[in-house]
Amino acid sequence: MDRGRARDDNRNSQRTLAASLQLLGHIQRELDRGECVAAFRESFDLAQQIGDGPASAVSAYNLGNAYLTLHRD
């Protein structure tokens, strides 16, 4: 789904995009890729935009874990 279209469409398309970004973030984190932070952050922002408190909380939790678990050189 196109990010721009999801932001302009209904809440369900935004929720779907937020969930997809969560999954992307998990994959990136498992691969120890710093890009996971951007995916989790975007998911959090979308969840906040549509007023989905539980999804916002999950995104915030995953964002915090990403910061804690990413390997730093």
Protein backbone atom coordinates (compact mmCIF):
# COMPACT_ATOMS: atom_id res chain seq x y z
CA MET A 1 0.00 0.00 0.00
CA ASP A 2 1.20 3.48 -0.87
CA ARG A 3 2.08 5.46 2.27
CA GLY A 4 0.60 8.68 0.92
CA ARG A 5 -2.68 7.01 0.03
CA ALA A 6 -2.90 5.29 3.40
CA ARG A 7 -2.59 8.60 5.21
CA ASP A 8 -5.47 10.09 3.19
CA ASP A 9 -7.76 7.06 3.30
CA ASN A 10 -9.76 5.66 6.16
CA ARG A 11 -8.48 4.52 9.55
CA ASN A 12 -8.33 0.87 8.51
CA SER A 13 -5.81 1.56 5.77
CA GLN A 14 -3.72 3.57 8.23
CA ARG A 15 -3.94 0.77 10.79
CA THR A 16 -2.89 -1.76 8.13
CA LEU A 17 0.11 0.36 7.17
CA ALA A 18 1.08 0.77 10.85
CA ALA A 19 0.91 -3.01 11.36
CA SER A 20 2.97 -3.62 8.22
CA LEU A 21 5.59 -1.18 9.44
CA GLN A 22 5.70 -3.05 12.76
CA LEU A 23 6.44 -6.28 10.91
CA LEU A 24 9.09 -4.57 8.79
CA GLY A 25 10.66 -3.16 11.95
CA HIS A 26 10.80 -6.62 13.53
CA ILE A 27 12.50 -8.09 10.47
CA GLN A 28 15.00 -5.24 10.35
CA ARG A 29 15.73 -5.51 14.06
CA GLU A 30 16.33 -9.26 13.77
CA LEU A 31 18.85 -8.45 11.04
CA ASP A 32 20.46 -5.86 13.37
CA ARG A 33 19.62 -3.03 11.00
CA GLY A 34 19.22 0.46 12.34
CA GLU A 35 16.45 1.18 9.84
CA CYS A 36 14.08 -0.61 12.23
CA VAL A 37 13.98 2.56 14.32
CA ALA A 38 12.43 4.51 11.42
CA ALA A 39 9.87 1.76 10.78
CA PHE A 40 8.83 1.59 14.44
CA ARG A 41 8.72 5.39 14.66
CA GLU A 42 6.51 5.70 11.59
CA SER A 43 4.23 3.00 12.94
CA PHE A 44 3.99 4.88 16.24
CA ASP A 45 3.18 8.16 14.49
CA LEU A 46 0.43 6.54 12.42
CA ALA A 47 -1.10 4.87 15.46
CA GLN A 48 -1.08 8.21 17.29
CA GLN A 49 -2.69 9.90 14.29
CA ILE A 50 -5.66 7.57 14.31
CA GLY A 51 -5.95 7.46 18.10
CA ASP A 52 -5.08 3.78 18.48
CA GLY A 53 -3.66 3.68 22.00
CA PRO A 54 -2.81 -0.03 22.13
CA ALA A 55 -1.00 0.08 18.78
CA SER A 56 0.86 3.22 19.92
CA ALA A 57 1.97 1.43 23.07
CA VAL A 58 3.22 -1.60 21.13
CA SER A 59 5.13 0.67 18.73
CA ALA A 60 6.70 2.60 21.60
CA TYR A 61 7.71 -0.64 23.31
CA ASN A 62 9.30 -1.99 20.13
CA LEU A 63 11.05 1.31 19.48
CA GLY A 64 12.56 1.23 22.97
CA ASN A 65 13.66 -2.37 22.55
CA ALA A 66 15.28 -1.52 19.25
CA TYR A 67 17.38 1.14 20.97
CA LEU A 68 18.33 -1.32 23.71
CA THR A 69 19.18 -4.29 21.51
CA LEU A 70 20.83 -2.83 18.44
CA HIS A 71 24.52 -3.61 18.36
CA ARG A 72 26.67 -0.53 18.31
CA ASP A 73 30.15 -0.44 16.85
